[in-house]
Protein backbone atom coordinates (compact mmCIF):
# COMPACT_ATOMS: atom_id res chain seq x y z
CA MET A 1 -0.67 13.79 59.19
CA SER A 2 0.14 10.10 59.13
CA MET A 3 0.84 8.15 55.98
CA ASN A 4 -2.39 6.21 56.49
CA ARG A 5 -4.43 9.38 56.13
CA ILE A 6 -2.48 10.42 53.04
CA VAL A 7 -3.17 7.04 51.44
CA ILE A 8 -6.86 7.28 52.33
CA LEU A 9 -6.97 10.78 50.79
CA MET A 10 -5.33 9.44 47.64
CA LEU A 11 -7.75 6.50 47.49
CA LEU A 12 -10.62 8.99 47.72
CA LEU A 13 -9.10 11.01 44.86
CA PHE A 14 -8.64 7.78 42.90
CA VAL A 15 -12.35 7.05 43.21
CA ILE A 16 -13.26 10.65 42.37
CA GLU A 17 -11.16 10.71 39.20
CA GLY A 18 -12.62 7.43 38.00
CA ALA A 19 -16.23 7.55 39.14
CA ILE A 20 -17.28 11.16 39.62
CA MET A 21 -15.18 13.12 37.12
CA PRO A 22 -16.66 11.39 34.04
CA TRP A 23 -20.04 12.77 35.14
CA ILE A 24 -18.70 16.28 35.72
CA ILE A 25 -16.66 16.64 32.51
CA PRO A 26 -18.87 17.94 29.66
CA ALA A 27 -20.01 15.34 27.13
CA GLY A 28 -17.92 16.75 24.29
CA PHE A 29 -14.73 16.50 26.33
CA GLY A 30 -15.44 13.19 28.09
CA ASP A 31 -13.08 11.18 25.92
CA ARG A 32 -10.47 13.95 25.67
CA ILE A 33 -9.86 14.98 29.29
CA ILE A 34 -8.27 12.39 31.56
CA PRO A 35 -7.92 13.47 35.21
CA HIS A 36 -4.70 12.55 37.04
CA PHE A 37 -5.45 13.90 40.52
CA VAL A 38 -3.52 11.12 42.24
CA PHE A 39 -0.45 12.00 40.15
CA VAL A 40 -0.72 15.63 41.28
CA ILE A 41 -0.69 14.48 44.92
CA VAL A 42 2.35 12.30 44.18
CA LEU A 43 4.10 15.39 42.82
CA TYR A 44 3.16 17.40 45.90
CA SER A 45 4.60 14.55 47.94
CA ALA A 46 7.85 14.92 46.02
CA LEU A 47 7.88 18.71 46.39
CA TYR A 48 6.94 18.99 50.06
CA GLY A 49 7.65 15.51 51.40
CA ASN A 50 10.57 13.43 50.24
CA ARG A 51 11.50 11.52 47.11
CA HIS A 52 11.17 8.05 48.61
CA GLN A 53 7.63 8.75 49.75
CA ALA A 54 6.77 10.03 46.26
CA LEU A 55 8.29 6.91 44.68
CA MET A 56 6.25 4.57 46.87
CA LEU A 57 3.00 6.52 46.48
CA GLY A 58 3.53 6.84 42.72
CA ALA A 59 4.39 3.19 42.21
CA GLY A 60 1.53 1.97 44.39
CA PHE A 61 -1.16 4.13 42.87
CA GLY A 62 0.28 3.74 39.37
CA LEU A 63 -0.08 -0.03 39.69
CA LEU A 64 -3.61 0.46 41.00
CA GLN A 65 -4.42 2.56 37.93
CA ASP A 66 -2.87 -0.04 35.65
CA ILE A 67 -4.98 -2.79 37.15
CA VAL A 68 -8.29 -0.94 37.47
CA TYR A 69 -8.39 1.35 34.43
CA TYR A 70 -5.73 0.32 31.91
CA GLY A 71 -5.69 -3.48 31.97
CA HIS A 72 -4.34 -3.90 28.44
CA LEU A 73 -0.80 -2.94 29.49
CA ILE A 74 0.25 -3.43 33.11
CA GLY A 75 3.19 -1.37 34.31
CA GLY A 76 3.17 1.85 32.30
CA HIS A 77 1.55 4.01 34.96
CA PHE A 78 3.34 2.11 37.72
CA PHE A 79 6.73 2.87 36.21
CA MET A 80 6.15 6.44 35.03
CA MET A 81 4.29 7.73 38.09
CA GLY A 82 6.93 6.37 40.47
CA LEU A 83 9.86 7.50 38.30
CA ILE A 84 8.60 11.04 37.72
CA GLY A 85 7.68 11.41 41.39
CA TYR A 86 11.16 10.27 42.44
CA PHE A 87 13.03 12.51 40.00
CA THR A 88 10.88 15.50 40.93
CA GLY A 89 11.89 14.93 44.54
CA VAL A 90 15.56 14.58 43.56
CA LEU A 91 15.59 17.77 41.48
CA LEU A 92 13.92 19.96 44.11
CA GLU A 93 15.09 18.23 47.27
CA ARG A 94 16.54 21.11 49.27
CA LYS A 95 14.85 24.02 47.52
CA ARG A 96 12.07 26.22 48.82
CA VAL A 97 9.13 25.70 46.46
CA THR A 98 6.72 28.58 45.83
CA VAL A 99 3.24 28.27 44.37
CA ILE A 100 4.36 29.35 40.88
CA MET A 101 7.28 26.95 40.95
CA ALA A 102 5.03 24.11 42.15
CA LEU A 103 2.48 24.73 39.39
CA THR A 104 5.25 24.93 36.78
CA VAL A 105 6.80 21.66 37.95
CA ILE A 106 3.40 19.95 38.10
CA GLY A 107 2.52 21.19 34.60
CA PHE A 108 5.82 20.05 33.14
CA ALA A 109 5.63 16.70 34.94
CA CYS A 110 2.07 16.09 33.69
CA ILE A 111 3.19 16.72 30.11
CA VAL A 112 6.16 14.37 30.55
CA TYR A 113 3.91 11.73 32.16
CA ASP A 114 1.31 11.80 29.39
CA THR A 115 3.96 11.95 26.67
CA ALA A 116 5.87 8.99 28.10
CA LEU A 117 2.65 6.98 28.37
CA PHE A 118 1.77 7.88 24.79
CA TYR A 119 5.12 6.60 23.54
CA ILE A 120 4.89 3.45 25.67
CA TYR A 121 1.51 2.75 24.08
CA LYS A 122 2.96 3.57 20.67
CA VAL A 123 5.84 1.11 21.13
CA PHE A 124 3.45 -1.70 22.07
CA ARG A 125 1.08 -0.71 19.23
CA ILE A 126 -1.87 0.07 21.46
CA THR A 127 -2.26 3.41 19.70
CA ASP A 128 -1.46 4.46 16.18
CA ALA A 129 -2.23 8.17 16.56
CA ALA A 130 0.32 10.88 15.83
CA TYR A 131 1.87 12.70 18.79
CA ALA A 132 0.70 16.12 17.56
CA TRP A 133 -2.89 14.88 17.54
CA ALA A 134 -2.56 13.37 21.02
CA LEU A 135 -0.94 16.55 22.33
CA LEU A 136 -3.72 18.80 21.08
CA ASN A 137 -6.64 16.47 21.80
CA HIS A 138 -5.66 14.73 25.03
CA ILE A 139 -2.52 15.98 26.74
CA LEU A 140 -3.13 19.75 26.78
CA PRO A 141 -6.85 19.63 27.70
CA SER A 142 -6.00 17.23 30.54
CA LEU A 143 -3.15 19.51 31.61
CA PHE A 144 -5.54 22.38 32.29
CA LEU A 145 -7.67 20.17 34.54
CA GLN A 146 -4.57 18.97 36.46
CA LEU A 147 -3.32 22.56 36.92
CA ALA A 148 -6.73 23.75 38.11
CA PHE A 149 -6.84 20.90 40.63
CA ALA A 150 -3.24 21.58 41.72
CA LEU A 151 -4.04 25.24 42.32
CA ALA A 152 -7.26 24.46 44.18
CA CYS A 153 -5.63 22.04 46.60
CA TYR A 154 -2.22 23.74 46.94
CA ILE A 155 -2.50 25.10 50.50
CA PRO A 156 -4.13 22.08 52.20
CA VAL A 157 -1.82 19.57 50.54
CA ARG A 158 1.28 21.65 51.25
CA ARG A 159 0.31 21.85 54.92
CA ILE A 160 -0.29 18.09 55.08
CA PHE A 161 3.10 17.17 53.66
CA GLU A 162 5.06 19.88 55.45
CA SER A 163 3.54 18.95 58.82
CA ARG A 164 4.39 15.31 58.12
CA SER A 165 8.00 16.12 57.24
CA LYS A 166 8.39 18.31 60.35
CA ALA A 167 6.95 15.58 62.58
CA LEU A 168 9.46 12.98 61.39
CA PRO A 169 12.96 13.02 62.89
CA ASP A 170 15.90 13.41 60.52
CA SER A 171 16.89 9.75 60.82
CA GLU A 172 13.48 8.51 59.60
CA GLU A 173 13.22 11.06 56.80
CA GLU A 174 16.03 9.65 54.68
């Protein structure tokens, strides 16, 4: 699949996580669960594509999230989504990734992503909440949604990125 189709898929997920998911999430959890479907696709790009592709997708869609949803601090999502996508690709570059390993990496990366964003907001005094409260009320409930989404879209997304990496010659891949 071409990069244009991957970007269109991620734009569709971006719209879904911002426009449709608030209607689907129950009213009691609406302010607690924050979907990061685009970030999950960036991690799949790092696991089954390559690290440079994950960096570009993460930085691009992170900046889009900063501008559209989180206008009070531009750059947090841009930086963290690109950085975590790149380092995930570096750590697992030449390894065969199974479904359990992919879900573990995605779960750990989502916790790191939300934790880093929490501390960035804490440094710039956008939030004054304690980390334990944020972990129990925001990070862990959101983690379950991200893992459910990652499991539901594992096979199609893996096929998309593996077919893309097989279609590219070795000289273009790096």
